[in-house]
Amino acid sequence: MTQPSSDLQTLLIGSVPNLRAFANSLCGDPTRADDLVQDTLVKAWTNLQSFQEGSNLKAWLFTILRNTYFSELRKRRREVEDADNAMAERMSVLPEQQVRMDLIDFKKAFGTLSDDQKEVLLLVGAEGFSYEEAAEITGAAVGTVKSRVNRARVALAKNLGLEAGETFASSNDFIGLVRMGQNVVR
């Protein structure tokens, strides 16, 4: 880029008060108007090679300022004020790595269960059948179903490295893992 003439630099600097007044009339905020003027001058300085010497510099600068203002206005219409980050928190997605690792661990632990234990655990834990309904489906006694479910849960807890009394964060986590584990056994 060739160095602009000193006359052009003087005209740019001399345009600042008029640009500030125009920007203030557009946005009504002196601080924002100063930012608009600064953005305008930066854009003008960066693109001085596109200015035709001898043409109306003031009109060129006002056009840059106006276009900058309306571009920002269009951009701000699509933005939502979120001072307390409430919107961002609702839109954030928790990382899936831990869930994926839990699922891998669960599949391994589930695979160590006997077929009888898998069957009743899926019926009672994942499908939500009562012990009586699971007994009817499997053709086993209710006490046998209860025993198999209990042994399956104890074995899963042991294979997953859970301490005595420790459970998943919620029963929904356990049910979710059992349901995802259904794909493994089917």
C-alpha atoms as a PDB file:
ATOM      1  CA  MET A   1       0.000   0.000   0.000  1.00  0.00           C
ATOM      2  CA  THR A   2       1.313   3.397  -0.872  1.00  0.00           C
ATOM      3  CA  GLN A   3       1.602   5.946   1.879  1.00  0.00           C
ATOM      4  CA  PRO A   4      -1.410   8.306   1.815  1.00  0.00           C
ATOM      5  CA  SER A   5      -0.744  11.961   1.265  1.00  0.00           C
ATOM      6  CA  SER A   6      -0.540  14.225   4.276  1.00  0.00           C
ATOM      7  CA  ASP A   7      -3.578  16.090   2.913  1.00  0.00           C
ATOM      8  CA  LEU A   8      -5.583  12.860   3.038  1.00  0.00           C
ATOM      9  CA  GLN A   9      -4.431  12.171   6.616  1.00  0.00           C
ATOM     10  CA  THR A  10      -5.418  15.709   7.621  1.00  0.00           C
ATOM     11  CA  LEU A  11      -8.842  15.280   6.015  1.00  0.00           C
ATOM     12  CA  LEU A  12      -9.358  11.969   7.861  1.00  0.00           C
ATOM     13  CA  ILE A  13      -8.510  13.529  11.208  1.00  0.00           C
ATOM     14  CA  GLY A  14     -10.619  16.579  10.420  1.00  0.00           C
ATOM     15  CA  SER A  15     -13.650  14.351   9.727  1.00  0.00           C
ATOM     16  CA  VAL A  16     -13.721  12.905  13.239  1.00  0.00           C
ATOM     17  CA  PRO A  17     -16.121  15.467  14.800  1.00  0.00           C
ATOM     18  CA  ASN A  18     -18.613  15.094  11.928  1.00  0.00           C
ATOM     19  CA  LEU A  19     -18.315  11.277  12.073  1.00  0.00           C
ATOM     20  CA  ARG A  20     -18.854  11.360  15.852  1.00  0.00           C
ATOM     21  CA  ALA A  21     -21.984  13.520  15.493  1.00  0.00           C
ATOM     22  CA  PHE A  22     -23.372  11.226  12.779  1.00  0.00           C
ATOM     23  CA  ALA A  23     -22.592   8.075  14.781  1.00  0.00           C
ATOM     24  CA  ASN A  24     -24.202   9.563  17.893  1.00  0.00           C
ATOM     25  CA  SER A  25     -27.333  10.416  15.913  1.00  0.00           C
ATOM     26  CA  LEU A  26     -27.521   6.825  14.653  1.00  0.00           C
ATOM     27  CA  CYS A  27     -27.057   4.987  17.926  1.00  0.00           C
ATOM     28  CA  GLY A  28     -27.795   7.586  20.609  1.00  0.00           C
ATOM     29  CA  ASP A  29     -24.928   6.377  22.817  1.00  0.00           C
ATOM     30  CA  PRO A  30     -21.736   8.486  22.931  1.00  0.00           C
ATOM     31  CA  THR A  31     -19.542   5.556  23.944  1.00  0.00           C
ATOM     32  CA  ARG A  32     -20.863   3.358  21.173  1.00  0.00           C
ATOM     33  CA  ALA A  33     -20.606   6.304  18.758  1.00  0.00           C
ATOM     34  CA  ASP A  34     -16.894   6.637  19.582  1.00  0.00           C
ATOM     35  CA  ASP A  35     -16.453   2.912  18.901  1.00  0.00           C
ATOM     36  CA  LEU A  36     -18.235   3.313  15.561  1.00  0.00           C
ATOM     37  CA  VAL A  37     -15.983   6.229  14.597  1.00  0.00           C
ATOM     38  CA  GLN A  38     -12.910   4.248  15.550  1.00  0.00           C
ATOM     39  CA  ASP A  39     -14.083   1.220  13.537  1.00  0.00           C
ATOM     40  CA  THR A  40     -14.809   3.528  10.615  1.00  0.00           C
ATOM     41  CA  LEU A  41     -11.359   5.112  10.709  1.00  0.00           C
ATOM     42  CA  VAL A  42      -9.665   1.720  10.964  1.00  0.00           C
ATOM     43  CA  LYS A  43     -11.628   0.414   7.989  1.00  0.00           C
ATOM     44  CA  ALA A  44     -10.950   3.581   6.014  1.00  0.00           C
ATOM     45  CA  TRP A  45      -7.234   3.486   6.804  1.00  0.00           C
ATOM     46  CA  THR A  46      -7.031  -0.206   5.900  1.00  0.00           C
ATOM     47  CA  ASN A  47      -8.840   0.387   2.602  1.00  0.00           C
ATOM     48  CA  LEU A  48      -7.361   3.738   1.587  1.00  0.00           C
ATOM     49  CA  GLN A  49      -6.231   2.196  -1.692  1.00  0.00           C
ATOM     50  CA  SER A  50      -9.904   1.905  -2.701  1.00  0.00           C
ATOM     51  CA  PHE A  51     -10.528   5.630  -2.125  1.00  0.00           C
ATOM     52  CA  GLN A  52     -10.345   7.678  -5.312  1.00  0.00           C
ATOM     53  CA  GLU A  53      -8.435  10.887  -4.601  1.00  0.00           C
ATOM     54  CA  GLY A  54     -10.439  13.842  -5.707  1.00  0.00           C
ATOM     55  CA  SER A  55     -13.760  12.203  -4.787  1.00  0.00           C
ATOM     56  CA  ASN A  56     -15.801  13.088  -1.699  1.00  0.00           C
ATOM     57  CA  LEU A  57     -13.872  11.695   1.322  1.00  0.00           C
ATOM     58  CA  LYS A  58     -16.568  12.753   3.766  1.00  0.00           C
ATOM     59  CA  ALA A  59     -19.257  10.812   1.862  1.00  0.00           C
ATOM     60  CA  TRP A  60     -16.957   7.774   1.675  1.00  0.00           C
ATOM     61  CA  LEU A  61     -16.338   7.856   5.460  1.00  0.00           C
ATOM     62  CA  PHE A  62     -20.037   8.370   6.259  1.00  0.00           C
ATOM     63  CA  THR A  63     -20.886   5.382   4.026  1.00  0.00           C
ATOM     64  CA  ILE A  64     -18.361   3.217   5.883  1.00  0.00           C
ATOM     65  CA  LEU A  65     -19.754   4.368   9.244  1.00  0.00           C
ATOM     66  CA  ARG A  66     -23.361   3.787   8.195  1.00  0.00           C
ATOM     67  CA  ASN A  67     -22.612   0.316   6.797  1.00  0.00           C
ATOM     68  CA  THR A  68     -20.681  -0.602   9.946  1.00  0.00           C
ATOM     69  CA  TYR A  69     -23.552   0.562  12.155  1.00  0.00           C
ATOM     70  CA  PHE A  70     -26.211  -1.404  10.254  1.00  0.00           C
ATOM     71  CA  SER A  71     -24.019  -4.508  10.062  1.00  0.00           C
ATOM     72  CA  GLU A  72     -23.613  -4.432  13.843  1.00  0.00           C
ATOM     73  CA  LEU A  73     -27.338  -3.802  14.272  1.00  0.00           C
ATOM     74  CA  ARG A  74     -28.223  -6.854  12.157  1.00  0.00           C
ATOM     75  CA  LYS A  75     -25.701  -8.927  14.083  1.00  0.00           C
ATOM     76  CA  ARG A  76     -27.068  -7.781  17.459  1.00  0.00           C
ATOM     77  CA  ARG A  77     -30.620  -8.702  16.458  1.00  0.00           C
ATOM     78  CA  ARG A  78     -29.516 -12.319  16.248  1.00  0.00           C
ATOM     79  CA  GLU A  79     -27.728 -12.137  19.597  1.00  0.00           C
ATOM     80  CA  VAL A  80     -29.410 -12.656  22.947  1.00  0.00           C
ATOM     81  CA  GLU A  81     -28.447 -10.745  26.077  1.00  0.00           C
ATOM     82  CA  ASP A  82     -27.187 -13.307  28.575  1.00  0.00           C
ATOM     83  CA  ALA A  83     -25.555 -11.372  31.388  1.00  0.00           C
ATOM     84  CA  ASP A  84     -25.918 -14.118  34.003  1.00  0.00           C
ATOM     85  CA  ASN A  85     -25.083 -16.972  31.554  1.00  0.00           C
ATOM     86  CA  ALA A  86     -28.467 -18.625  32.195  1.00  0.00           C
ATOM     87  CA  MET A  87     -29.066 -19.153  28.472  1.00  0.00           C
ATOM     88  CA  ALA A  88     -25.562 -20.469  27.855  1.00  0.00           C
ATOM     89  CA  GLU A  89     -25.845 -22.925  30.731  1.00  0.00           C
ATOM     90  CA  ARG A  90     -29.070 -24.339  29.295  1.00  0.00           C
ATOM     91  CA  MET A  91     -27.476 -24.720  25.897  1.00  0.00           C
ATOM     92  CA  SER A  92     -24.235 -26.284  27.054  1.00  0.00           C
ATOM     93  CA  VAL A  93     -23.647 -29.957  26.514  1.00  0.00           C
ATOM     94  CA  LEU A  94     -21.824 -31.986  29.087  1.00  0.00           C
ATOM     95  CA  PRO A  95     -18.932 -34.056  27.820  1.00  0.00           C
ATOM     96  CA  GLU A  96     -19.871 -37.568  26.808  1.00  0.00           C
ATOM     97  CA  GLN A  97     -16.527 -39.194  27.586  1.00  0.00           C
ATOM     98  CA  GLN A  98     -17.455 -40.259  31.114  1.00  0.00           C
ATOM     99  CA  VAL A  99     -20.795 -41.706  30.052  1.00  0.00           C
ATOM    100  CA  ARG A 100     -19.088 -43.594  27.248  1.00  0.00           C
ATOM    101  CA  MET A 101     -16.460 -44.978  29.608  1.00  0.00           C
ATOM    102  CA  ASP A 102     -19.175 -45.957  32.106  1.00  0.00           C
ATOM    103  CA  LEU A 103     -21.014 -47.775  29.325  1.00  0.00           C
ATOM    104  CA  ILE A 104     -17.873 -49.674  28.299  1.00  0.00           C
ATOM    105  CA  ASP A 105     -17.277 -50.686  31.935  1.00  0.00           C
ATOM    106  CA  PHE A 106     -20.921 -51.669  32.302  1.00  0.00           C
ATOM    107  CA  LYS A 107     -20.862 -53.819  29.153  1.00  0.00           C
ATOM    108  CA  LYS A 108     -17.828 -55.682  30.477  1.00  0.00           C
ATOM    109  CA  ALA A 109     -19.413 -56.187  33.902  1.00  0.00           C
ATOM    110  CA  PHE A 110     -22.771 -57.151  32.373  1.00  0.00           C
ATOM    111  CA  GLY A 111     -21.029 -59.710  30.169  1.00  0.00           C
ATOM    112  CA  THR A 112     -19.746 -61.566  33.249  1.00  0.00           C
ATOM    113  CA  LEU A 113     -23.284 -62.298  34.503  1.00  0.00           C
ATOM    114  CA  SER A 114     -24.981 -65.620  33.873  1.00  0.00           C
ATOM    115  CA  ASP A 115     -27.714 -65.687  31.241  1.00  0.00           C
ATOM    116  CA  ASP A 116     -30.359 -66.140  33.974  1.00  0.00           C
ATOM    117  CA  GLN A 117     -29.077 -63.081  35.829  1.00  0.00           C
ATOM    118  CA  LYS A 118     -28.939 -60.979  32.640  1.00  0.00           C
ATOM    119  CA  GLU A 119     -32.485 -61.986  31.756  1.00  0.00           C
ATOM    120  CA  VAL A 120     -34.075 -61.051  35.089  1.00  0.00           C
ATOM    121  CA  LEU A 121     -31.974 -57.908  35.464  1.00  0.00           C
ATOM    122  CA  LEU A 122     -33.151 -56.705  32.057  1.00  0.00           C
ATOM    123  CA  LEU A 123     -36.770 -57.552  32.840  1.00  0.00           C
ATOM    124  CA  VAL A 124     -36.835 -55.953  36.296  1.00  0.00           C
ATOM    125  CA  GLY A 125     -34.120 -53.281  36.019  1.00  0.00           C
ATOM    126  CA  ALA A 126     -34.507 -52.081  32.454  1.00  0.00           C
ATOM    127  CA  GLU A 127     -38.026 -52.966  31.374  1.00  0.00           C
ATOM    128  CA  GLY A 128     -39.632 -52.162  34.712  1.00  0.00           C
ATOM    129  CA  PHE A 129     -41.497 -55.444  35.199  1.00  0.00           C
ATOM    130  CA  SER A 130     -42.381 -56.412  38.737  1.00  0.00           C
ATOM    131  CA  TYR A 131     -40.784 -59.517  40.268  1.00  0.00           C
ATOM    132  CA  GLU A 132     -44.084 -61.330  39.804  1.00  0.00           C
ATOM    133  CA  GLU A 133     -44.307 -60.392  36.127  1.00  0.00           C
ATOM    134  CA  ALA A 134     -40.671 -61.369  35.549  1.00  0.00           C
ATOM    135  CA  ALA A 135     -41.347 -64.710  37.283  1.00  0.00           C
ATOM    136  CA  GLU A 136     -44.309 -65.309  34.994  1.00  0.00           C
ATOM    137  CA  ILE A 137     -42.272 -64.416  31.881  1.00  0.00           C
ATOM    138  CA  THR A 138     -39.299 -66.623  32.827  1.00  0.00           C
ATOM    139  CA  GLY A 139     -41.314 -69.441  34.330  1.00  0.00           C
ATOM    140  CA  ALA A 140     -39.301 -69.230  37.573  1.00  0.00           C
ATOM    141  CA  ALA A 141     -40.527 -68.727  41.110  1.00  0.00           C
ATOM    142  CA  VAL A 142     -40.807 -65.163  42.426  1.00  0.00           C
ATOM    143  CA  GLY A 143     -38.180 -65.891  45.093  1.00  0.00           C
ATOM    144  CA  THR A 144     -35.805 -67.208  42.404  1.00  0.00           C
ATOM    145  CA  VAL A 145     -36.252 -64.024  40.359  1.00  0.00           C
ATOM    146  CA  LYS A 146     -35.589 -61.856  43.422  1.00  0.00           C
ATOM    147  CA  SER A 147     -32.491 -63.879  44.244  1.00  0.00           C
ATOM    148  CA  ARG A 148     -31.156 -63.680  40.670  1.00  0.00           C
ATOM    149  CA  VAL A 149     -31.742 -59.907  40.510  1.00  0.00           C
ATOM    150  CA  ASN A 150     -30.000 -59.416  43.838  1.00  0.00           C
ATOM    151  CA  ARG A 151     -27.010 -61.603  42.846  1.00  0.00           C
ATOM    152  CA  ALA A 152     -26.806 -59.806  39.471  1.00  0.00           C
ATOM    153  CA  ARG A 153     -26.775 -56.386  41.146  1.00  0.00           C
ATOM    154  CA  VAL A 154     -24.155 -57.456  43.677  1.00  0.00           C
ATOM    155  CA  ALA A 155     -21.991 -58.934  40.905  1.00  0.00           C
ATOM    156  CA  LEU A 156     -22.345 -55.782  38.791  1.00  0.00           C
ATOM    157  CA  ALA A 157     -21.418 -53.568  41.738  1.00  0.00           C
ATOM    158  CA  LYS A 158     -18.389 -55.729  42.472  1.00  0.00           C
ATOM    159  CA  ASN A 159     -17.266 -55.833  38.822  1.00  0.00           C
ATOM    160  CA  LEU A 160     -17.731 -52.090  38.501  1.00  0.00           C
ATOM    161  CA  GLY A 161     -15.636 -51.507  41.610  1.00  0.00           C
ATOM    162  CA  LEU A 162     -18.426 -49.945  43.661  1.00  0.00           C
ATOM    163  CA  GLU A 163     -17.951 -49.983  47.426  1.00  0.00           C
ATOM    164  CA  ALA A 164     -20.564 -51.457  49.751  1.00  0.00           C
ATOM    165  CA  GLY A 165     -23.577 -49.164  49.740  1.00  0.00           C
ATOM    166  CA  GLU A 166     -22.199 -47.080  46.851  1.00  0.00           C
ATOM    167  CA  THR A 167     -24.466 -46.797  43.825  1.00  0.00           C
ATOM    168  CA  PHE A 168     -24.573 -44.979  40.532  1.00  0.00           C
ATOM    169  CA  ALA A 169     -25.266 -41.247  40.795  1.00  0.00           C
ATOM    170  CA  SER A 170     -28.954 -42.050  40.402  1.00  0.00           C
ATOM    171  CA  SER A 171     -31.141 -45.037  39.747  1.00  0.00           C
ATOM    172  CA  ASN A 172     -31.816 -43.518  36.322  1.00  0.00           C
ATOM    173  CA  ASP A 173     -28.094 -43.898  35.535  1.00  0.00           C
ATOM    174  CA  PHE A 174     -28.298 -47.583  36.437  1.00  0.00           C
ATOM    175  CA  ILE A 175     -31.502 -48.129  34.476  1.00  0.00           C
ATOM    176  CA  GLY A 176     -30.032 -46.232  31.538  1.00  0.00           C
ATOM    177  CA  LEU A 177     -26.923 -48.379  31.563  1.00  0.00           C
ATOM    178  CA  VAL A 178     -28.998 -51.557  31.810  1.00  0.00           C
ATOM    179  CA  ARG A 179     -31.112 -50.391  28.874  1.00  0.00           C
ATOM    180  CA  MET A 180     -28.038 -49.568  26.842  1.00  0.00           C
ATOM    181  CA  GLY A 181     -26.644 -52.939  27.856  1.00  0.00           C
ATOM    182  CA  GLN A 182     -29.671 -54.634  26.317  1.00  0.00           C
ATOM    183  CA  ASN A 183     -28.154 -54.047  22.918  1.00  0.00           C
ATOM    184  CA  VAL A 184     -25.187 -56.119  24.021  1.00  0.00           C
ATOM    185  CA  VAL A 185     -27.214 -59.219  24.878  1.00  0.00           C
ATOM    186  CA  ARG A 186     -29.778 -59.102  22.085  1.00  0.00           C
END
